[in-house]
Amino acid sequence: MRMGLLGKKIGMTHLFDKEDKMVAVTALEVGPCVVTQVKHSRNDGYSALQIGFSETKEKHLTKPLLGHLKKNALAALRFLREIRMDSDDVVAEYQPGQELKVDLFFKEGDLIDVIGITKGKGFQGVMKRHGFRGGPSTHGSMQHRAPGSIGSTDFQRVIKGKKMPGQMGNVRMTVQNLRVVRVFPDKNLLLVTGAVPGGANGLVFVRKAIKEHAEA
């Protein structure tokens, strides 16, 4: 997994590019993150970096988590994430307590991936969840928003993966190849093209794009 930072979604706005075209952008507060643990293959069986984001009150953490942070004299952090690394040589560049800021990893023009949790929409029917057309709206069909037949004359059962009503949203989603339009290091802000999963103040993980395209 590529190195990245934790942050939160602020919201959406727009700006104008060099050709005076309006561009929709999402504002992300990315970092600063703190290195909370460095894992080596000789001790832990694999190489990884654990980072923390968003200081909070100690009473909001469990005692084991608080003890884990106090071992390295770190402040109470609300979110912790572990990032797998390729080798011990990579993690050797970092030390517990080291602060990671947005301008250390991202610059204008970079392509990035943003991982977040989509907005939960509760239990929804097939028309909203899967885009079904629905039945006739009039003439007493009584089949307006129902899914229709779900079985088969051969199998006598409902086939796995059938599109049905159910929980919609509230899933982990990765949006790839968003372009960084502006970086504000003093405010820990990134402005990126397009939309990002989740609502305002939702937690996101931002990393360099894994599948970089020429245009995004």
C-alpha atoms as a PDB file:
ATOM      1  CA  MET A   1       0.000   0.000   0.000  1.00  0.00           C
ATOM      2  CA  ARG A   2       1.237   3.474  -0.804  1.00  0.00           C
ATOM      3  CA  MET A   3       1.983   5.972   1.926  1.00  0.00           C
ATOM      4  CA  GLY A   4      -0.801   8.423   2.647  1.00  0.00           C
ATOM      5  CA  LEU A   5      -2.389  10.581   5.310  1.00  0.00           C
ATOM      6  CA  LEU A   6      -5.633  10.634   7.247  1.00  0.00           C
ATOM      7  CA  GLY A   7      -7.898  13.652   7.029  1.00  0.00           C
ATOM      8  CA  LYS A   8     -11.494  14.777   6.906  1.00  0.00           C
ATOM      9  CA  LYS A   9     -13.811  16.095   4.238  1.00  0.00           C
ATOM     10  CA  ILE A  10     -14.686  19.765   4.701  1.00  0.00           C
ATOM     11  CA  GLY A  11     -17.141  20.182   1.831  1.00  0.00           C
ATOM     12  CA  MET A  12     -17.390  21.218  -1.811  1.00  0.00           C
ATOM     13  CA  THR A  13     -16.824  24.533  -3.550  1.00  0.00           C
ATOM     14  CA  HIS A  14     -15.560  25.734  -6.924  1.00  0.00           C
ATOM     15  CA  LEU A  15     -12.760  27.789  -8.389  1.00  0.00           C
ATOM     16  CA  PHE A  16     -11.621  28.993 -11.794  1.00  0.00           C
ATOM     17  CA  ASP A  17      -8.656  27.526 -13.667  1.00  0.00           C
ATOM     18  CA  LYS A  18      -6.172  29.312 -15.911  1.00  0.00           C
ATOM     19  CA  GLU A  19      -8.663  29.230 -18.783  1.00  0.00           C
ATOM     20  CA  ASP A  20     -11.365  30.815 -16.602  1.00  0.00           C
ATOM     21  CA  LYS A  21     -13.362  27.581 -16.537  1.00  0.00           C
ATOM     22  CA  MET A  22     -15.212  26.781 -13.339  1.00  0.00           C
ATOM     23  CA  VAL A  23     -13.963  23.590 -11.656  1.00  0.00           C
ATOM     24  CA  ALA A  24     -15.869  21.798  -8.896  1.00  0.00           C
ATOM     25  CA  VAL A  25     -13.509  20.874  -6.058  1.00  0.00           C
ATOM     26  CA  THR A  26     -13.689  19.163  -2.697  1.00  0.00           C
ATOM     27  CA  ALA A  27     -11.839  20.669   0.261  1.00  0.00           C
ATOM     28  CA  LEU A  28      -9.999  18.129   2.427  1.00  0.00           C
ATOM     29  CA  GLU A  29      -8.225  18.814   5.707  1.00  0.00           C
ATOM     30  CA  VAL A  30      -5.345  16.341   5.468  1.00  0.00           C
ATOM     31  CA  GLY A  31      -3.176  15.870   8.545  1.00  0.00           C
ATOM     32  CA  PRO A  32      -1.102  16.718  10.329  1.00  0.00           C
ATOM     33  CA  CYS A  33      -0.702  13.061  11.253  1.00  0.00           C
ATOM     34  CA  VAL A  34       1.614  11.626  13.872  1.00  0.00           C
ATOM     35  CA  VAL A  35       3.605   8.399  13.594  1.00  0.00           C
ATOM     36  CA  THR A  36       2.366   6.324  16.532  1.00  0.00           C
ATOM     37  CA  GLN A  37       4.160   3.034  15.846  1.00  0.00           C
ATOM     38  CA  VAL A  38       6.763   1.600  13.484  1.00  0.00           C
ATOM     39  CA  LYS A  39       6.575  -2.139  12.798  1.00  0.00           C
ATOM     40  CA  HIS A  40       9.512  -4.203  11.520  1.00  0.00           C
ATOM     41  CA  SER A  41       9.452  -7.668   9.996  1.00  0.00           C
ATOM     42  CA  ARG A  42      11.968  -8.999  12.499  1.00  0.00           C
ATOM     43  CA  ASN A  43       9.732  -8.136  15.467  1.00  0.00           C
ATOM     44  CA  ASP A  44       6.192  -8.025  14.077  1.00  0.00           C
ATOM     45  CA  GLY A  45       6.411 -10.300  11.042  1.00  0.00           C
ATOM     46  CA  TYR A  46       5.753  -7.495   8.547  1.00  0.00           C
ATOM     47  CA  SER A  47       6.678  -3.883   7.827  1.00  0.00           C
ATOM     48  CA  ALA A  48       4.100  -1.219   8.578  1.00  0.00           C
ATOM     49  CA  LEU A  49       3.589   2.306   9.778  1.00  0.00           C
ATOM     50  CA  GLN A  50       0.811   3.306  12.177  1.00  0.00           C
ATOM     51  CA  ILE A  51      -0.346   6.919  12.017  1.00  0.00           C
ATOM     52  CA  GLY A  52      -2.789   8.907  14.145  1.00  0.00           C
ATOM     53  CA  PHE A  53      -5.003  11.881  13.366  1.00  0.00           C
ATOM     54  CA  SER A  54      -7.214  14.371  15.222  1.00  0.00           C
ATOM     55  CA  GLU A  55      -6.367  15.086  18.858  1.00  0.00           C
ATOM     56  CA  THR A  56      -9.147  14.440  21.356  1.00  0.00           C
ATOM     57  CA  LYS A  57      -9.713  14.206  25.124  1.00  0.00           C
ATOM     58  CA  GLU A  58      -8.240  11.258  26.970  1.00  0.00           C
ATOM     59  CA  LYS A  59     -11.662  10.287  28.351  1.00  0.00           C
ATOM     60  CA  HIS A  60     -12.797   9.440  24.810  1.00  0.00           C
ATOM     61  CA  LEU A  61     -10.206   6.658  24.429  1.00  0.00           C
ATOM     62  CA  THR A  62     -10.021   3.196  25.941  1.00  0.00           C
ATOM     63  CA  LYS A  63      -7.289   2.573  28.510  1.00  0.00           C
ATOM     64  CA  PRO A  64      -5.373   0.116  26.261  1.00  0.00           C
ATOM     65  CA  LEU A  65      -5.320   2.628  23.402  1.00  0.00           C
ATOM     66  CA  LEU A  66      -4.336   5.451  25.738  1.00  0.00           C
ATOM     67  CA  GLY A  67      -1.504   3.342  27.144  1.00  0.00           C
ATOM     68  CA  HIS A  68      -0.352   2.531  23.614  1.00  0.00           C
ATOM     69  CA  LEU A  69      -0.037   6.239  22.832  1.00  0.00           C
ATOM     70  CA  LYS A  70       1.500   7.239  26.161  1.00  0.00           C
ATOM     71  CA  LYS A  71       4.255   4.657  25.647  1.00  0.00           C
ATOM     72  CA  ASN A  72       5.748   7.112  23.141  1.00  0.00           C
ATOM     73  CA  ALA A  73       4.568  10.218  25.035  1.00  0.00           C
ATOM     74  CA  LEU A  74       1.925  11.016  22.396  1.00  0.00           C
ATOM     75  CA  ALA A  75      -1.265  12.999  22.766  1.00  0.00           C
ATOM     76  CA  ALA A  76      -4.676  11.306  22.685  1.00  0.00           C
ATOM     77  CA  LEU A  77      -5.563  10.713  19.018  1.00  0.00           C
ATOM     78  CA  ARG A  78      -9.042   9.862  17.818  1.00  0.00           C
ATOM     79  CA  PHE A  79      -8.154   7.867  14.684  1.00  0.00           C
ATOM     80  CA  LEU A  80      -5.358   5.350  14.107  1.00  0.00           C
ATOM     81  CA  ARG A  81      -4.586   3.602  10.831  1.00  0.00           C
ATOM     82  CA  GLU A  82      -1.908   1.113   9.830  1.00  0.00           C
ATOM     83  CA  ILE A  83      -0.198   1.325   6.436  1.00  0.00           C
ATOM     84  CA  ARG A  84       1.630  -1.736   5.130  1.00  0.00           C
ATOM     85  CA  MET A  85       5.069  -1.056   3.677  1.00  0.00           C
ATOM     86  CA  ASP A  86       7.189  -3.006   1.214  1.00  0.00           C
ATOM     87  CA  SER A  87      10.268  -3.390   3.418  1.00  0.00           C
ATOM     88  CA  ASP A  88      11.966  -2.397   6.666  1.00  0.00           C
ATOM     89  CA  ASP A  89      14.116   0.067   4.724  1.00  0.00           C
ATOM     90  CA  VAL A  90      11.033   2.182   4.006  1.00  0.00           C
ATOM     91  CA  VAL A  91       9.748   2.297   7.592  1.00  0.00           C
ATOM     92  CA  ALA A  92      13.256   3.045   8.857  1.00  0.00           C
ATOM     93  CA  GLU A  93      12.787   6.600   7.577  1.00  0.00           C
ATOM     94  CA  TYR A  94      10.122   7.242  10.241  1.00  0.00           C
ATOM     95  CA  GLN A  95      10.173   7.474  14.023  1.00  0.00           C
ATOM     96  CA  PRO A  96       7.349   7.459  16.617  1.00  0.00           C
ATOM     97  CA  GLY A  97       6.227  11.003  17.338  1.00  0.00           C
ATOM     98  CA  GLN A  98       7.223  12.295  13.900  1.00  0.00           C
ATOM     99  CA  GLU A  99       4.697  14.745  12.433  1.00  0.00           C
ATOM    100  CA  LEU A 100       3.585  14.230   8.838  1.00  0.00           C
ATOM    101  CA  LYS A 101       2.159  17.234   7.009  1.00  0.00           C
ATOM    102  CA  VAL A 102       0.235  17.519   3.776  1.00  0.00           C
ATOM    103  CA  ASP A 103       2.971  19.256   1.741  1.00  0.00           C
ATOM    104  CA  LEU A 104       5.382  16.401   2.514  1.00  0.00           C
ATOM    105  CA  PHE A 105       3.434  14.007   0.252  1.00  0.00           C
ATOM    106  CA  PHE A 106       1.215  16.040  -2.093  1.00  0.00           C
ATOM    107  CA  LYS A 107       1.679  18.918  -4.515  1.00  0.00           C
ATOM    108  CA  GLU A 108      -0.445  20.649  -7.135  1.00  0.00           C
ATOM    109  CA  GLY A 109      -1.065  18.482 -10.199  1.00  0.00           C
ATOM    110  CA  ASP A 110      -0.692  15.140  -8.378  1.00  0.00           C
ATOM    111  CA  LEU A 111      -3.205  12.355  -8.951  1.00  0.00           C
ATOM    112  CA  ILE A 112      -4.545  10.885  -5.727  1.00  0.00           C
ATOM    113  CA  ASP A 113      -6.924   8.202  -4.454  1.00  0.00           C
ATOM    114  CA  VAL A 114      -9.350   9.077  -1.665  1.00  0.00           C
ATOM    115  CA  ILE A 115     -10.866   6.359   0.533  1.00  0.00           C
ATOM    116  CA  GLY A 116     -13.925   7.095   2.653  1.00  0.00           C
ATOM    117  CA  ILE A 117     -17.277   5.806   3.903  1.00  0.00           C
ATOM    118  CA  THR A 118     -20.251   6.752   1.721  1.00  0.00           C
ATOM    119  CA  LYS A 119     -23.358   8.378   3.162  1.00  0.00           C
ATOM    120  CA  GLY A 120     -25.780   5.846   4.633  1.00  0.00           C
ATOM    121  CA  LYS A 121     -29.219   5.956   3.000  1.00  0.00           C
ATOM    122  CA  GLY A 122     -30.974   3.275   5.024  1.00  0.00           C
ATOM    123  CA  PHE A 123     -33.200   0.533   3.607  1.00  0.00           C
ATOM    124  CA  GLN A 124     -34.159   1.377   0.010  1.00  0.00           C
ATOM    125  CA  GLY A 125     -36.166  -0.260  -2.742  1.00  0.00           C
ATOM    126  CA  VAL A 126     -34.875  -1.490  -6.082  1.00  0.00           C
ATOM    127  CA  MET A 127     -35.714   1.702  -7.988  1.00  0.00           C
ATOM    128  CA  LYS A 128     -33.516   3.894  -5.834  1.00  0.00           C
ATOM    129  CA  ARG A 129     -30.898   1.281  -4.945  1.00  0.00           C
ATOM    130  CA  HIS A 130     -30.376  -0.242  -8.398  1.00  0.00           C
ATOM    131  CA  GLY A 131     -32.098   2.148 -10.789  1.00  0.00           C
ATOM    132  CA  PHE A 132     -34.947  -0.164 -11.811  1.00  0.00           C
ATOM    133  CA  ARG A 133     -37.484   1.361 -14.213  1.00  0.00           C
ATOM    134  CA  GLY A 134     -40.541   0.254 -12.244  1.00  0.00           C
ATOM    135  CA  GLY A 135     -43.938  -0.787 -13.500  1.00  0.00           C
ATOM    136  CA  PRO A 136     -46.791   1.229 -15.023  1.00  0.00           C
ATOM    137  CA  SER A 137     -47.781   4.234 -12.949  1.00  0.00           C
ATOM    138  CA  THR A 138     -51.506   4.018 -13.705  1.00  0.00           C
ATOM    139  CA  HIS A 139     -54.358   1.682 -14.737  1.00  0.00           C
ATOM    140  CA  GLY A 140     -54.370  -0.281 -11.486  1.00  0.00           C
ATOM    141  CA  SER A 141     -51.299  -2.373 -12.213  1.00  0.00           C
ATOM    142  CA  MET A 142     -50.427  -2.441  -8.483  1.00  0.00           C
ATOM    143  CA  GLN A 143     -46.827  -3.044  -9.622  1.00  0.00           C
ATOM    144  CA  HIS A 144     -45.438   0.477  -9.454  1.00  0.00           C
ATOM    145  CA  ARG A 145     -42.165   0.162  -7.521  1.00  0.00           C
ATOM    146  CA  ALA A 146     -41.950  -3.574  -6.858  1.00  0.00           C
ATOM    147  CA  PRO A 147     -38.979  -5.596  -8.191  1.00  0.00           C
ATOM    148  CA  GLY A 148     -41.084  -8.113 -10.126  1.00  0.00           C
ATOM    149  CA  SER A 149     -40.227 -11.788 -10.446  1.00  0.00           C
ATOM    150  CA  ILE A 150     -37.158 -12.874  -8.465  1.00  0.00           C
ATOM    151  CA  GLY A 151     -37.219 -16.643  -9.027  1.00  0.00           C
ATOM    152  CA  SER A 152     -36.816 -19.143 -11.811  1.00  0.00           C
ATOM    153  CA  THR A 153     -38.782 -22.134 -13.088  1.00  0.00           C
ATOM    154  CA  ASP A 154     -35.577 -24.183 -13.232  1.00  0.00           C
ATOM    155  CA  PHE A 155     -33.733 -23.587  -9.967  1.00  0.00           C
ATOM    156  CA  GLN A 156     -36.709 -23.075  -7.634  1.00  0.00           C
ATOM    157  CA  ARG A 157     -34.678 -20.652  -5.575  1.00  0.00           C
ATOM    158  CA  VAL A 158     -33.401 -17.090  -5.631  1.00  0.00           C
ATOM    159  CA  ILE A 159     -29.995 -16.922  -7.298  1.00  0.00           C
ATOM    160  CA  LYS A 160     -27.193 -15.355  -5.251  1.00  0.00           C
ATOM    161  CA  GLY A 161     -26.395 -11.753  -6.128  1.00  0.00           C
ATOM    162  CA  LYS A 162     -29.940 -10.932  -7.213  1.00  0.00           C
ATOM    163  CA  LYS A 163     -30.622  -7.194  -7.101  1.00  0.00           C
ATOM    164  CA  MET A 164     -33.047  -6.738  -4.242  1.00  0.00           C
ATOM    165  CA  PRO A 165     -34.173  -4.047  -1.784  1.00  0.00           C
ATOM    166  CA  GLY A 166     -31.821  -3.570   1.149  1.00  0.00           C
ATOM    167  CA  GLN A 167     -29.307  -1.399   2.964  1.00  0.00           C
ATOM    168  CA  MET A 168     -27.922   1.344   0.719  1.00  0.00           C
ATOM    169  CA  GLY A 169     -24.771   3.335   1.316  1.00  0.00           C
ATOM    170  CA  ASN A 170     -22.502   3.295   4.390  1.00  0.00           C
ATOM    171  CA  VAL A 171     -19.809   1.283   2.565  1.00  0.00           C
ATOM    172  CA  ARG A 172     -16.082   1.809   2.107  1.00  0.00           C
ATOM    173  CA  MET A 173     -15.362   3.347  -1.289  1.00  0.00           C
ATOM    174  CA  THR A 174     -12.230   4.421  -3.128  1.00  0.00           C
ATOM    175  CA  VAL A 175     -12.390   7.218  -5.687  1.00  0.00           C
ATOM    176  CA  GLN A 176      -9.351   7.057  -7.961  1.00  0.00           C
ATOM    177  CA  ASN A 177      -7.361   9.607  -9.917  1.00  0.00           C
ATOM    178  CA  LEU A 178      -8.588  12.865  -8.453  1.00  0.00           C
ATOM    179  CA  ARG A 179      -6.282  15.753  -9.308  1.00  0.00           C
ATOM    180  CA  VAL A 180      -4.869  18.061  -6.664  1.00  0.00           C
ATOM    181  CA  VAL A 181      -5.768  21.603  -7.707  1.00  0.00           C
ATOM    182  CA  ARG A 182      -4.477  23.597  -4.720  1.00  0.00           C
ATOM    183  CA  VAL A 183      -2.388  22.907  -1.618  1.00  0.00           C
ATOM    184  CA  PHE A 184      -2.494  25.151   1.459  1.00  0.00           C
ATOM    185  CA  PRO A 185       0.213  23.815   3.831  1.00  0.00           C
ATOM    186  CA  ASP A 186      -0.443  26.423   6.527  1.00  0.00           C
ATOM    187  CA  LYS A 187      -4.088  25.281   6.775  1.00  0.00           C
ATOM    188  CA  ASN A 188      -3.450  21.565   6.008  1.00  0.00           C
ATOM    189  CA  LEU A 189      -5.865  21.839   3.088  1.00  0.00           C
ATOM    190  CA  LEU A 190      -6.103  20.066  -0.250  1.00  0.00           C
ATOM    191  CA  LEU A 191      -8.487  21.113  -2.996  1.00  0.00           C
ATOM    192  CA  VAL A 192      -9.137  18.186  -5.340  1.00  0.00           C
ATOM    193  CA  THR A 193     -11.257  17.856  -8.472  1.00  0.00           C
ATOM    194  CA  GLY A 194     -14.584  16.123  -8.218  1.00  0.00           C
ATOM    195  CA  ALA A 195     -16.487  14.480  -5.375  1.00  0.00           C
ATOM    196  CA  VAL A 196     -15.260  12.452  -2.410  1.00  0.00           C
ATOM    197  CA  PRO A 197     -17.179   9.736  -0.512  1.00  0.00           C
ATOM    198  CA  GLY A 198     -19.033  10.683   2.657  1.00  0.00           C
ATOM    199  CA  GLY A 199     -20.468  13.768   4.251  1.00  0.00           C
ATOM    200  CA  ALA A 200     -18.882  16.799   5.846  1.00  0.00           C
ATOM    201  CA  ASN A 201     -16.343  15.958   8.583  1.00  0.00           C
ATOM    202  CA  GLY A 202     -16.187  12.344   7.376  1.00  0.00           C
ATOM    203  CA  LEU A 203     -12.863  10.549   7.818  1.00  0.00           C
ATOM    204  CA  VAL A 204     -10.850   9.972   4.628  1.00  0.00           C
ATOM    205  CA  PHE A 205      -7.519   8.413   3.716  1.00  0.00           C
ATOM    206  CA  VAL A 206      -5.583  10.173   0.954  1.00  0.00           C
ATOM    207  CA  ARG A 207      -2.743   8.521  -0.969  1.00  0.00           C
ATOM    208  CA  LYS A 208      -0.903   8.895  -4.271  1.00  0.00           C
ATOM    209  CA  ALA A 209      -2.881   7.302  -7.117  1.00  0.00           C
ATOM    210  CA  ILE A 210      -2.115   3.616  -7.686  1.00  0.00           C
ATOM    211  CA  LYS A 211      -3.532   3.518 -11.247  1.00  0.00           C
ATOM    212  CA  GLU A 212      -2.416   6.837 -12.638  1.00  0.00           C
ATOM    213  CA  HIS A 213      -4.088   7.852 -15.901  1.00  0.00           C
ATOM    214  CA  ALA A 214      -2.789  10.501 -18.249  1.00  0.00           C
ATOM    215  CA  GLU A 215      -5.969  12.497 -17.795  1.00  0.00           C
ATOM    216  CA  ALA A 216      -8.356  12.437 -14.838  1.00  0.00           C
END
